[in-house]
Amino acid sequence: MRYFEDFSVGEEAAFGQYEMTEEEIIEFASKYDPQAFHLSEEGGKASLFGGLCASGWHTCSATMRMMVDEMKEHETASLGSPGVDNVRWLRPVFPGDVLSVRTKVLETRKSKSRPQIGITKSLNETLNQKGEVVMSFISNGIFIRREQD
């Protein structure tokens, strides 16, 4: 099990592989972000994106999936998150793009009010198959502490 104490500032990791399909982009947009450039190629061509592209919220969801899969694979003692900061959608995500995640631990701190947990702050970047950053955000993770003061 990977606990709070196992994270160190400056630690980096790269993981995941998630292909965005046309069908999934349209399905997600139909339910949650029904803007023309997320619903059809024609709508996308009439926009500044030049073609059908995924909702930023869809990209967030795909990134979260890859992050949770990584935590499960490495048996991380995660207790969730109080939120994220500075979400930026830097490039459009098109059908056929294959996304991955790169993360870097920026800060770790023990909780002052709950000695059984620690909090990490990490920079997370979602990249396409060309290595271009399509989205970035700062995450705040809550983890069980192995050692308690």
N, C-alpha and C. Protein backbone atom coordinates (compact mmCIF):
# COMPACT_ATOMS: atom_id res chain seq x y z
N MET A 1 0.85 -1.18 0.00
CA MET A 1 0.00 0.00 0.00
C MET A 1 0.89 1.24 0.00
N ARG A 2 0.53 2.22 -0.80
CA ARG A 2 1.27 3.48 -0.88
C ARG A 2 0.56 4.54 -0.04
N TYR A 3 1.21 4.99 1.01
CA TYR A 3 0.64 5.96 1.95
C TYR A 3 1.18 7.36 1.70
N PHE A 4 0.64 8.32 2.44
CA PHE A 4 1.05 9.72 2.33
C PHE A 4 2.57 9.87 2.40
N GLU A 5 3.21 9.18 3.34
CA GLU A 5 4.66 9.29 3.53
C GLU A 5 5.46 8.83 2.33
N ASP A 6 4.83 8.10 1.44
CA ASP A 6 5.53 7.57 0.27
C ASP A 6 5.61 8.57 -0.89
N PHE A 7 4.97 9.72 -0.74
CA PHE A 7 5.02 10.77 -1.77
C PHE A 7 6.11 11.77 -1.40
N SER A 8 6.88 12.22 -2.37
CA SER A 8 7.91 13.22 -2.10
C SER A 8 7.83 14.35 -3.12
N VAL A 9 8.13 15.55 -2.66
CA VAL A 9 8.12 16.73 -3.52
C VAL A 9 9.10 16.51 -4.66
N GLY A 10 8.66 16.81 -5.87
CA GLY A 10 9.48 16.65 -7.06
C GLY A 10 9.28 15.33 -7.77
N GLU A 11 8.65 14.38 -7.10
CA GLU A 11 8.38 13.07 -7.70
C GLU A 11 7.51 13.24 -8.95
N GLU A 12 7.87 12.54 -10.01
CA GLU A 12 7.11 12.60 -11.27
C GLU A 12 6.69 11.21 -11.70
N ALA A 13 5.59 11.16 -12.41
CA ALA A 13 5.10 9.89 -12.96
C ALA A 13 4.38 10.18 -14.27
N ALA A 14 4.40 9.21 -15.15
CA ALA A 14 3.66 9.28 -16.42
C ALA A 14 2.93 7.96 -16.57
N PHE A 15 1.67 8.02 -16.99
CA PHE A 15 0.87 6.80 -17.06
C PHE A 15 -0.37 7.02 -17.93
N GLY A 16 -1.04 5.92 -18.17
CA GLY A 16 -2.34 5.93 -18.82
C GLY A 16 -2.31 5.93 -20.33
N GLN A 17 -3.44 5.53 -20.87
CA GLN A 17 -3.67 5.57 -22.31
C GLN A 17 -5.18 5.53 -22.50
N TYR A 18 -5.72 6.57 -23.09
CA TYR A 18 -7.16 6.67 -23.27
C TYR A 18 -7.44 7.26 -24.64
N GLU A 19 -8.08 6.48 -25.51
CA GLU A 19 -8.40 6.97 -26.86
C GLU A 19 -9.78 7.60 -26.87
N MET A 20 -9.84 8.82 -27.38
CA MET A 20 -11.11 9.53 -27.54
C MET A 20 -11.72 9.15 -28.89
N THR A 21 -12.90 8.58 -28.85
CA THR A 21 -13.57 8.20 -30.09
C THR A 21 -14.65 9.22 -30.45
N GLU A 22 -14.97 9.29 -31.70
CA GLU A 22 -16.02 10.20 -32.17
C GLU A 22 -17.34 9.90 -31.45
N GLU A 23 -17.68 8.63 -31.35
CA GLU A 23 -18.94 8.24 -30.72
C GLU A 23 -19.00 8.68 -29.26
N GLU A 24 -17.90 8.49 -28.54
CA GLU A 24 -17.88 8.86 -27.13
C GLU A 24 -17.92 10.38 -26.94
N ILE A 25 -17.22 11.10 -27.81
CA ILE A 25 -17.23 12.57 -27.75
C ILE A 25 -18.65 13.09 -27.92
N ILE A 26 -19.35 12.58 -28.91
CA ILE A 26 -20.72 13.03 -29.18
C ILE A 26 -21.66 12.61 -28.05
N GLU A 27 -21.52 11.37 -27.56
CA GLU A 27 -22.37 10.90 -26.47
C GLU A 27 -22.20 11.75 -25.21
N PHE A 28 -20.94 12.01 -24.83
CA PHE A 28 -20.69 12.82 -23.64
C PHE A 28 -21.27 14.22 -23.83
N ALA A 29 -20.99 14.83 -24.97
CA ALA A 29 -21.48 16.19 -25.23
C ALA A 29 -23.00 16.25 -25.24
N SER A 30 -23.63 15.24 -25.80
CA SER A 30 -25.09 15.21 -25.84
C SER A 30 -25.69 15.25 -24.45
N LYS A 31 -25.03 14.60 -23.51
CA LYS A 31 -25.53 14.55 -22.13
C LYS A 31 -25.13 15.76 -21.30
N TYR A 32 -23.88 16.26 -21.49
CA TYR A 32 -23.33 17.21 -20.53
C TYR A 32 -22.85 18.55 -21.09
N ASP A 33 -22.55 18.64 -22.37
CA ASP A 33 -21.99 19.88 -22.92
C ASP A 33 -22.39 20.01 -24.39
N PRO A 34 -23.69 20.19 -24.64
CA PRO A 34 -24.20 20.12 -26.02
C PRO A 34 -23.93 21.36 -26.87
N GLN A 35 -22.67 21.70 -27.02
CA GLN A 35 -22.29 22.78 -27.91
C GLN A 35 -22.00 22.18 -29.29
N ALA A 36 -22.26 22.93 -30.33
CA ALA A 36 -22.19 22.42 -31.71
C ALA A 36 -20.85 21.77 -32.05
N PHE A 37 -19.75 22.34 -31.59
CA PHE A 37 -18.42 21.80 -31.93
C PHE A 37 -18.10 20.51 -31.21
N HIS A 38 -18.94 20.13 -30.22
CA HIS A 38 -18.79 18.84 -29.55
C HIS A 38 -19.77 17.81 -30.08
N LEU A 39 -20.71 18.24 -30.91
CA LEU A 39 -21.80 17.35 -31.35
C LEU A 39 -21.67 16.83 -32.77
N SER A 40 -20.92 17.53 -33.61
CA SER A 40 -20.79 17.08 -35.01
C SER A 40 -19.55 17.67 -35.66
N GLU A 41 -19.10 16.99 -36.68
CA GLU A 41 -17.96 17.48 -37.47
C GLU A 41 -18.32 18.82 -38.10
N GLU A 42 -19.54 18.95 -38.59
CA GLU A 42 -19.97 20.20 -39.23
C GLU A 42 -19.95 21.36 -38.23
N GLY A 43 -20.47 21.10 -37.03
CA GLY A 43 -20.45 22.12 -35.99
C GLY A 43 -19.03 22.50 -35.61
N GLY A 44 -18.15 21.52 -35.60
CA GLY A 44 -16.75 21.78 -35.30
C GLY A 44 -16.06 22.58 -36.38
N LYS A 45 -16.37 22.29 -37.64
CA LYS A 45 -15.76 23.03 -38.76
C LYS A 45 -16.18 24.49 -38.76
N ALA A 46 -17.37 24.77 -38.27
CA ALA A 46 -17.87 26.15 -38.21
C ALA A 46 -17.30 26.91 -37.01
N SER A 47 -16.49 26.25 -36.20
CA SER A 47 -15.94 26.87 -34.99
C SER A 47 -14.45 27.15 -35.17
N LEU A 48 -13.85 27.75 -34.18
CA LEU A 48 -12.41 28.01 -34.22
C LEU A 48 -11.60 26.74 -34.09
N PHE A 49 -12.22 25.61 -33.71
CA PHE A 49 -11.50 24.35 -33.55
C PHE A 49 -11.26 23.63 -34.87
N GLY A 50 -12.06 23.90 -35.88
CA GLY A 50 -11.85 23.31 -37.20
C GLY A 50 -12.38 21.90 -37.37
N GLY A 51 -13.01 21.35 -36.35
CA GLY A 51 -13.57 20.01 -36.44
C GLY A 51 -14.15 19.60 -35.11
N LEU A 52 -14.81 18.46 -35.12
CA LEU A 52 -15.39 17.91 -33.88
C LEU A 52 -14.30 17.77 -32.83
N CYS A 53 -14.57 18.24 -31.63
CA CYS A 53 -13.60 18.09 -30.55
C CYS A 53 -14.33 17.78 -29.24
N ALA A 54 -13.61 17.18 -28.33
CA ALA A 54 -14.16 16.76 -27.04
C ALA A 54 -14.38 17.96 -26.13
N SER A 55 -15.39 17.87 -25.31
CA SER A 55 -15.60 18.83 -24.24
C SER A 55 -14.41 18.77 -23.28
N GLY A 56 -14.04 19.92 -22.76
CA GLY A 56 -12.99 19.93 -21.74
C GLY A 56 -13.35 19.09 -20.54
N TRP A 57 -14.67 19.08 -20.23
CA TRP A 57 -15.13 18.26 -19.10
C TRP A 57 -14.98 16.77 -19.40
N HIS A 58 -15.09 16.41 -20.66
CA HIS A 58 -14.87 15.02 -21.07
C HIS A 58 -13.38 14.68 -20.88
N THR A 59 -12.52 15.60 -21.26
CA THR A 59 -11.09 15.40 -21.07
C THR A 59 -10.78 15.25 -19.59
N CYS A 60 -11.42 16.07 -18.75
CA CYS A 60 -11.26 15.92 -17.29
C CYS A 60 -11.67 14.53 -16.84
N SER A 61 -12.80 14.06 -17.34
CA SER A 61 -13.31 12.74 -16.94
C SER A 61 -12.38 11.62 -17.37
N ALA A 62 -11.86 11.70 -18.59
CA ALA A 62 -10.93 10.68 -19.08
C ALA A 62 -9.64 10.70 -18.24
N THR A 63 -9.19 11.89 -17.89
CA THR A 63 -7.99 12.02 -17.06
C THR A 63 -8.23 11.41 -15.69
N MET A 64 -9.39 11.69 -15.11
CA MET A 64 -9.71 11.13 -13.80
C MET A 64 -9.71 9.61 -13.85
N ARG A 65 -10.23 9.06 -14.92
CA ARG A 65 -10.25 7.60 -15.08
C ARG A 65 -8.83 7.04 -15.07
N MET A 66 -7.94 7.69 -15.82
CA MET A 66 -6.56 7.22 -15.85
C MET A 66 -5.90 7.35 -14.48
N MET A 67 -6.20 8.42 -13.76
CA MET A 67 -5.62 8.63 -12.43
C MET A 67 -6.11 7.57 -11.45
N VAL A 68 -7.40 7.28 -11.47
CA VAL A 68 -7.95 6.26 -10.56
C VAL A 68 -7.39 4.88 -10.91
N ASP A 69 -7.30 4.57 -12.19
CA ASP A 69 -6.71 3.28 -12.59
C ASP A 69 -5.28 3.16 -12.07
N GLU A 70 -4.51 4.25 -12.15
CA GLU A 70 -3.13 4.24 -11.66
C GLU A 70 -3.09 4.04 -10.15
N MET A 71 -3.99 4.72 -9.42
CA MET A 71 -4.02 4.55 -7.95
C MET A 71 -4.40 3.12 -7.56
N LYS A 72 -5.32 2.54 -8.29
CA LYS A 72 -5.71 1.16 -8.00
C LYS A 72 -4.57 0.20 -8.29
N GLU A 73 -3.90 0.40 -9.42
CA GLU A 73 -2.80 -0.49 -9.81
C GLU A 73 -1.68 -0.48 -8.77
N HIS A 74 -1.43 0.68 -8.18
CA HIS A 74 -0.35 0.81 -7.20
C HIS A 74 -0.85 0.83 -5.76
N GLU A 75 -2.11 0.42 -5.56
CA GLU A 75 -2.71 0.30 -4.23
C GLU A 75 -2.41 1.52 -3.36
N THR A 76 -2.87 2.65 -3.83
CA THR A 76 -2.66 3.92 -3.13
C THR A 76 -3.75 4.13 -2.09
N ALA A 77 -3.36 4.62 -0.94
CA ALA A 77 -4.28 4.84 0.19
C ALA A 77 -4.98 6.20 0.05
N SER A 78 -5.65 6.39 -1.07
CA SER A 78 -6.32 7.66 -1.37
C SER A 78 -7.67 7.73 -0.67
N LEU A 79 -7.96 8.92 -0.16
CA LEU A 79 -9.27 9.19 0.43
C LEU A 79 -10.03 10.25 -0.37
N GLY A 80 -9.63 10.47 -1.61
CA GLY A 80 -10.31 11.44 -2.45
C GLY A 80 -9.58 12.77 -2.49
N SER A 81 -10.35 13.82 -2.75
CA SER A 81 -9.77 15.14 -2.94
C SER A 81 -10.76 16.22 -2.53
N PRO A 82 -10.26 17.31 -1.95
CA PRO A 82 -11.14 18.43 -1.66
C PRO A 82 -11.35 19.33 -2.88
N GLY A 83 -10.68 19.00 -3.99
CA GLY A 83 -10.89 19.78 -5.20
C GLY A 83 -9.63 19.97 -6.01
N VAL A 84 -9.81 20.64 -7.14
CA VAL A 84 -8.70 20.96 -8.03
C VAL A 84 -8.68 22.47 -8.26
N ASP A 85 -7.52 22.94 -8.69
CA ASP A 85 -7.34 24.36 -8.97
C ASP A 85 -6.80 24.54 -10.38
N ASN A 86 -7.11 25.69 -10.96
CA ASN A 86 -6.49 26.14 -12.21
C ASN A 86 -6.63 25.15 -13.37
N VAL A 87 -7.82 24.66 -13.61
CA VAL A 87 -8.04 23.80 -14.77
C VAL A 87 -7.87 24.64 -16.03
N ARG A 88 -7.04 24.17 -16.94
CA ARG A 88 -6.80 24.88 -18.20
C ARG A 88 -6.91 23.88 -19.35
N TRP A 89 -7.74 24.24 -20.32
CA TRP A 89 -7.84 23.45 -21.54
C TRP A 89 -7.00 24.16 -22.58
N LEU A 90 -5.85 23.60 -22.91
CA LEU A 90 -4.83 24.28 -23.70
C LEU A 90 -4.89 23.98 -25.19
N ARG A 91 -5.40 22.82 -25.53
CA ARG A 91 -5.53 22.41 -26.94
C ARG A 91 -6.79 21.57 -27.07
N PRO A 92 -7.43 21.61 -28.24
CA PRO A 92 -8.59 20.74 -28.42
C PRO A 92 -8.17 19.27 -28.51
N VAL A 93 -9.09 18.42 -28.11
CA VAL A 93 -8.90 16.97 -28.19
C VAL A 93 -9.85 16.47 -29.27
N PHE A 94 -9.30 15.81 -30.27
CA PHE A 94 -10.06 15.36 -31.44
C PHE A 94 -10.28 13.84 -31.40
N PRO A 95 -11.26 13.36 -32.16
CA PRO A 95 -11.44 11.91 -32.27
C PRO A 95 -10.13 11.25 -32.73
N GLY A 96 -9.78 10.15 -32.08
CA GLY A 96 -8.56 9.43 -32.41
C GLY A 96 -7.37 9.84 -31.55
N ASP A 97 -7.47 10.97 -30.86
CA ASP A 97 -6.38 11.35 -29.96
C ASP A 97 -6.27 10.33 -28.83
N VAL A 98 -5.05 9.98 -28.49
CA VAL A 98 -4.78 9.06 -27.39
C VAL A 98 -4.13 9.88 -26.28
N LEU A 99 -4.83 9.93 -25.15
CA LEU A 99 -4.39 10.76 -24.03
C LEU A 99 -3.60 9.95 -23.01
N SER A 100 -2.72 10.65 -22.30
CA SER A 100 -1.98 10.08 -21.18
C SER A 100 -1.81 11.19 -20.15
N VAL A 101 -1.29 10.82 -18.98
CA VAL A 101 -1.16 11.76 -17.87
C VAL A 101 0.29 11.84 -17.41
N ARG A 102 0.70 13.05 -17.08
CA ARG A 102 1.99 13.29 -16.44
C ARG A 102 1.71 14.08 -15.17
N THR A 103 2.29 13.66 -14.06
CA THR A 103 2.03 14.33 -12.79
C THR A 103 3.33 14.58 -12.04
N LYS A 104 3.34 15.68 -11.27
CA LYS A 104 4.51 16.03 -10.46
C LYS A 104 4.03 16.53 -9.11
N VAL A 105 4.57 15.94 -8.04
CA VAL A 105 4.20 16.35 -6.69
C VAL A 105 4.87 17.69 -6.38
N LEU A 106 4.05 18.68 -6.04
CA LEU A 106 4.54 20.03 -5.74
C LEU A 106 4.71 20.28 -4.25
N GLU A 107 3.87 19.63 -3.45
CA GLU A 107 3.85 19.92 -2.01
C GLU A 107 3.23 18.75 -1.27
N THR A 108 3.69 18.50 -0.06
CA THR A 108 3.05 17.54 0.84
C THR A 108 2.94 18.20 2.21
N ARG A 109 1.85 17.93 2.91
CA ARG A 109 1.70 18.47 4.26
C ARG A 109 0.78 17.57 5.08
N LYS A 110 1.11 17.48 6.34
CA LYS A 110 0.29 16.73 7.27
C LYS A 110 -0.91 17.60 7.64
N SER A 111 -2.06 16.98 7.79
CA SER A 111 -3.24 17.70 8.23
C SER A 111 -3.06 18.13 9.69
N LYS A 112 -3.39 19.38 9.98
CA LYS A 112 -3.29 19.88 11.36
C LYS A 112 -4.48 19.42 12.20
N SER A 113 -5.62 19.27 11.56
CA SER A 113 -6.83 18.92 12.32
C SER A 113 -7.13 17.41 12.35
N ARG A 114 -6.57 16.67 11.42
CA ARG A 114 -6.82 15.23 11.36
C ARG A 114 -5.50 14.50 11.20
N PRO A 115 -4.91 14.04 12.29
CA PRO A 115 -3.57 13.45 12.23
C PRO A 115 -3.47 12.17 11.41
N GLN A 116 -4.59 11.57 11.07
CA GLN A 116 -4.54 10.32 10.30
C GLN A 116 -4.39 10.54 8.80
N ILE A 117 -4.38 11.82 8.35
CA ILE A 117 -4.28 12.07 6.90
C ILE A 117 -3.20 13.08 6.57
N GLY A 118 -2.77 13.02 5.31
CA GLY A 118 -1.85 14.00 4.75
C GLY A 118 -2.41 14.46 3.41
N ILE A 119 -1.94 15.61 2.96
CA ILE A 119 -2.47 16.21 1.73
C ILE A 119 -1.31 16.48 0.78
N THR A 120 -1.51 16.10 -0.46
CA THR A 120 -0.51 16.38 -1.50
C THR A 120 -1.09 17.39 -2.48
N LYS A 121 -0.23 18.18 -3.07
CA LYS A 121 -0.62 19.08 -4.15
C LYS A 121 0.25 18.70 -5.34
N SER A 122 -0.40 18.44 -6.47
CA SER A 122 0.34 17.98 -7.65
C SER A 122 -0.08 18.73 -8.90
N LEU A 123 0.88 18.95 -9.79
CA LEU A 123 0.59 19.46 -11.13
C LEU A 123 0.30 18.25 -12.00
N ASN A 124 -0.85 18.28 -12.67
CA ASN A 124 -1.25 17.19 -13.56
C ASN A 124 -1.41 17.74 -14.96
N GLU A 125 -0.83 17.04 -15.92
CA GLU A 125 -0.95 17.43 -17.32
C GLU A 125 -1.48 16.24 -18.11
N THR A 126 -2.43 16.52 -18.97
CA THR A 126 -2.94 15.50 -19.89
C THR A 126 -2.33 15.80 -21.25
N LEU A 127 -1.74 14.77 -21.84
CA LEU A 127 -1.05 14.94 -23.11
C LEU A 127 -1.73 14.12 -24.21
N ASN A 128 -1.61 14.59 -25.44
CA ASN A 128 -2.07 13.78 -26.57
C ASN A 128 -0.92 12.91 -27.07
N GLN A 129 -1.16 12.13 -28.10
CA GLN A 129 -0.17 11.18 -28.62
C GLN A 129 1.05 11.88 -29.21
N LYS A 130 0.97 13.18 -29.46
CA LYS A 130 2.12 13.95 -29.97
C LYS A 130 2.97 14.51 -28.84
N GLY A 131 2.54 14.27 -27.59
CA GLY A 131 3.25 14.81 -26.45
C GLY A 131 2.87 16.25 -26.12
N GLU A 132 1.82 16.76 -26.76
CA GLU A 132 1.35 18.12 -26.51
C GLU A 132 0.44 18.12 -25.28
N VAL A 133 0.62 19.10 -24.42
CA VAL A 133 -0.24 19.23 -23.25
C VAL A 133 -1.58 19.80 -23.71
N VAL A 134 -2.65 19.05 -23.48
CA VAL A 134 -3.99 19.49 -23.88
C VAL A 134 -4.78 20.05 -22.70
N MET A 135 -4.38 19.67 -21.48
CA MET A 135 -5.06 20.15 -20.29
C MET A 135 -4.09 20.10 -19.11
N SER A 136 -4.25 21.04 -18.18
CA SER A 136 -3.47 20.99 -16.95
C SER A 136 -4.34 21.43 -15.78
N PHE A 137 -3.97 20.95 -14.60
CA PHE A 137 -4.66 21.37 -13.39
C PHE A 137 -3.81 20.99 -12.18
N ILE A 138 -4.10 21.63 -11.07
CA ILE A 138 -3.45 21.31 -9.80
C ILE A 138 -4.45 20.50 -8.99
N SER A 139 -4.02 19.33 -8.52
CA SER A 139 -4.91 18.51 -7.70
C SER A 139 -4.44 18.51 -6.26
N ASN A 140 -5.40 18.37 -5.38
CA ASN A 140 -5.15 18.26 -3.95
C ASN A 140 -5.64 16.89 -3.52
N GLY A 141 -4.73 16.02 -3.13
CA GLY A 141 -5.10 14.65 -2.78
C GLY A 141 -5.01 14.42 -1.28
N ILE A 142 -5.94 13.64 -0.77
CA ILE A 142 -5.94 13.27 0.65
C ILE A 142 -5.55 11.79 0.73
N PHE A 143 -4.56 11.50 1.57
CA PHE A 143 -4.06 10.13 1.71
C PHE A 143 -3.94 9.76 3.18
N ILE A 144 -4.14 8.48 3.45
CA ILE A 144 -3.97 7.95 4.80
C ILE A 144 -2.48 8.02 5.17
N ARG A 145 -2.22 8.43 6.39
CA ARG A 145 -0.86 8.46 6.89
C ARG A 145 -0.55 7.12 7.56
N ARG A 146 0.61 6.60 7.30
CA ARG A 146 1.10 5.38 7.94
C ARG A 146 1.52 5.71 9.37
N GLU A 147 2.15 6.86 9.53
CA GLU A 147 2.66 7.30 10.83
C GLU A 147 1.86 8.50 11.29
N GLN A 148 1.45 8.49 12.54
CA GLN A 148 0.69 9.61 13.06
C GLN A 148 1.42 10.19 14.27
N ASP A 149 1.47 11.49 14.32
CA ASP A 149 2.16 12.18 15.43
C ASP A 149 1.40 12.03 16.72
